[in-house]
Amino acid sequence: RVSCNLLGGGAPCQGNTSQNPNRRGLNDSRTLQAFVVPGVAQAIRDQFGIRTIEFLENAASSPPPVVQAISKEFRCAPLRTCAEQCGYVKRNRLWSGRTDDSSLDSYAAPFVAD
């Protein structure tokens, strides 16, 4: 018996990363893929009636309007991590998440990597 679904996703980073001098943020259709995750999670809840935990990964250098729009959608500020903490590559990422009734803000203060 399944008691909880874990659903994760992320938009391709090309529209958001500062490494792309032509990034378009919310004006890039690839960025908008991030907003599909909540709809899929809701469809799972509606169809199967089980709790769903959603999370989203994105480039930490995303333009502020992108971070604000995702924060609004997920009802929380993102957590920031750096892959350098787990290996050799410095790659800053933002993570947003929520469950049916709460956001990541309910569980921990935002983590800021140096």
Protein backbone atom coordinates (compact mmCIF):
# COMPACT_ATOMS: atom_id res chain seq x y z
CA ARG A 1 0.00 0.00 0.00
CA VAL A 2 1.34 3.44 -0.95
CA SER A 3 0.94 6.03 1.78
CA CYS A 4 2.86 8.87 0.16
CA ASN A 5 4.10 9.93 -3.27
CA LEU A 6 7.36 11.79 -3.81
CA LEU A 7 7.28 13.91 -6.95
CA GLY A 8 10.29 15.94 -8.06
CA GLY A 9 11.19 18.00 -11.04
CA GLY A 10 13.06 20.95 -12.38
CA ALA A 11 13.21 23.15 -15.40
CA PRO A 12 16.15 22.98 -17.81
CA CYS A 13 18.56 25.58 -16.47
CA GLN A 14 19.41 27.29 -19.78
CA GLY A 15 16.61 29.85 -19.37
CA ASN A 16 17.68 30.72 -15.82
CA THR A 17 21.41 30.26 -15.27
CA SER A 18 23.68 33.30 -15.18
CA GLN A 19 26.06 31.30 -17.39
CA ASN A 20 23.68 32.00 -20.29
CA PRO A 21 24.09 35.67 -21.27
CA ASN A 22 20.81 35.42 -23.23
CA ARG A 23 18.72 33.88 -20.45
CA ARG A 24 15.06 34.85 -20.56
CA GLY A 25 13.77 33.59 -17.21
CA LEU A 26 9.98 33.45 -17.18
CA ASN A 27 9.93 34.37 -20.87
CA ASP A 28 11.61 31.04 -21.71
CA SER A 29 9.17 28.17 -22.23
CA ARG A 30 11.68 25.74 -20.65
CA THR A 31 11.49 27.66 -17.36
CA LEU A 32 7.72 27.22 -17.28
CA GLN A 33 8.13 23.45 -17.07
CA ALA A 34 8.79 23.97 -13.34
CA PHE A 35 5.15 24.95 -12.87
CA VAL A 36 3.93 21.56 -14.12
CA VAL A 37 5.01 19.80 -10.89
CA PRO A 38 2.19 21.20 -8.68
CA GLY A 39 -0.44 20.28 -11.28
CA VAL A 40 0.82 16.72 -11.56
CA ALA A 41 0.88 16.42 -7.77
CA GLN A 42 -2.70 17.66 -7.55
CA ALA A 43 -3.78 15.17 -10.23
CA ILE A 44 -2.20 12.35 -8.19
CA ARG A 45 -4.02 13.52 -5.05
CA ASP A 46 -7.32 13.79 -6.92
CA GLN A 47 -6.99 10.43 -8.67
CA PHE A 48 -5.55 8.31 -5.86
CA GLY A 49 -6.27 10.26 -2.67
CA ILE A 50 -2.76 9.85 -1.28
CA ARG A 51 -0.40 12.39 0.25
CA THR A 52 2.10 13.89 -2.17
CA ILE A 53 5.40 15.55 -1.39
CA GLU A 54 6.56 17.82 -4.22
CA PHE A 55 9.99 19.32 -4.76
CA LEU A 56 11.67 21.36 -7.43
CA GLU A 57 15.35 21.95 -8.23
CA ASN A 58 16.63 25.00 -10.07
CA ALA A 59 19.79 27.04 -10.70
CA ALA A 60 20.67 29.31 -7.77
CA SER A 61 21.57 32.05 -10.26
CA SER A 62 17.98 32.19 -11.53
CA PRO A 63 16.65 35.72 -12.07
CA PRO A 64 14.77 37.11 -9.03
CA PRO A 65 11.38 37.04 -10.83
CA VAL A 66 11.81 33.28 -11.41
CA VAL A 67 12.73 32.65 -7.76
CA GLN A 68 9.78 34.79 -6.61
CA ALA A 69 7.29 33.02 -8.90
CA ILE A 70 8.45 29.56 -7.80
CA SER A 71 8.42 30.63 -4.14
CA LYS A 72 4.85 31.84 -4.55
CA GLU A 73 3.78 28.60 -6.27
CA PHE A 74 5.41 26.40 -3.61
CA ARG A 75 4.45 28.73 -0.72
CA CYS A 76 8.03 28.83 0.63
CA ALA A 77 11.44 30.36 0.14
CA PRO A 78 13.87 27.95 -1.53
CA LEU A 79 16.64 26.13 0.29
CA ARG A 80 20.06 26.73 -1.21
CA THR A 81 22.67 23.99 -1.49
CA CYS A 82 26.02 23.59 -3.21
CA ALA A 83 27.20 20.33 -4.77
CA GLU A 84 30.69 21.22 -3.56
CA GLN A 85 29.55 20.09 -0.10
CA CYS A 86 29.22 16.55 -1.48
CA GLY A 87 31.96 16.44 -4.09
CA TYR A 88 34.36 18.47 -6.16
CA VAL A 89 32.09 20.63 -8.31
CA LYS A 90 30.74 23.96 -7.12
CA ARG A 91 27.17 24.04 -8.36
CA ASN A 92 24.70 26.14 -6.38
CA ARG A 93 21.11 24.93 -6.54
CA LEU A 94 17.77 26.08 -5.13
CA TRP A 95 15.22 23.59 -3.82
CA SER A 96 11.54 24.35 -3.25
CA GLY A 97 9.08 21.91 -1.81
CA ARG A 98 5.76 21.29 -0.14
CA THR A 99 3.39 18.60 0.99
CA ASP A 100 -0.38 18.66 0.80
CA ASP A 101 -0.58 20.87 3.86
CA SER A 102 2.80 22.54 4.44
CA SER A 103 5.97 23.83 2.79
CA LEU A 104 9.66 23.34 3.44
CA ASP A 105 9.49 26.49 5.59
CA SER A 106 7.57 24.38 8.11
CA TYR A 107 10.47 21.98 8.54
CA ALA A 108 13.67 24.03 8.58
CA ALA A 109 15.15 27.47 8.11
CA PRO A 110 16.63 28.10 4.67
CA PHE A 111 20.15 26.70 4.33
CA VAL A 112 22.61 29.04 2.65
CA ALA A 113 25.81 27.52 1.28
CA ASP A 114 28.99 29.58 1.38
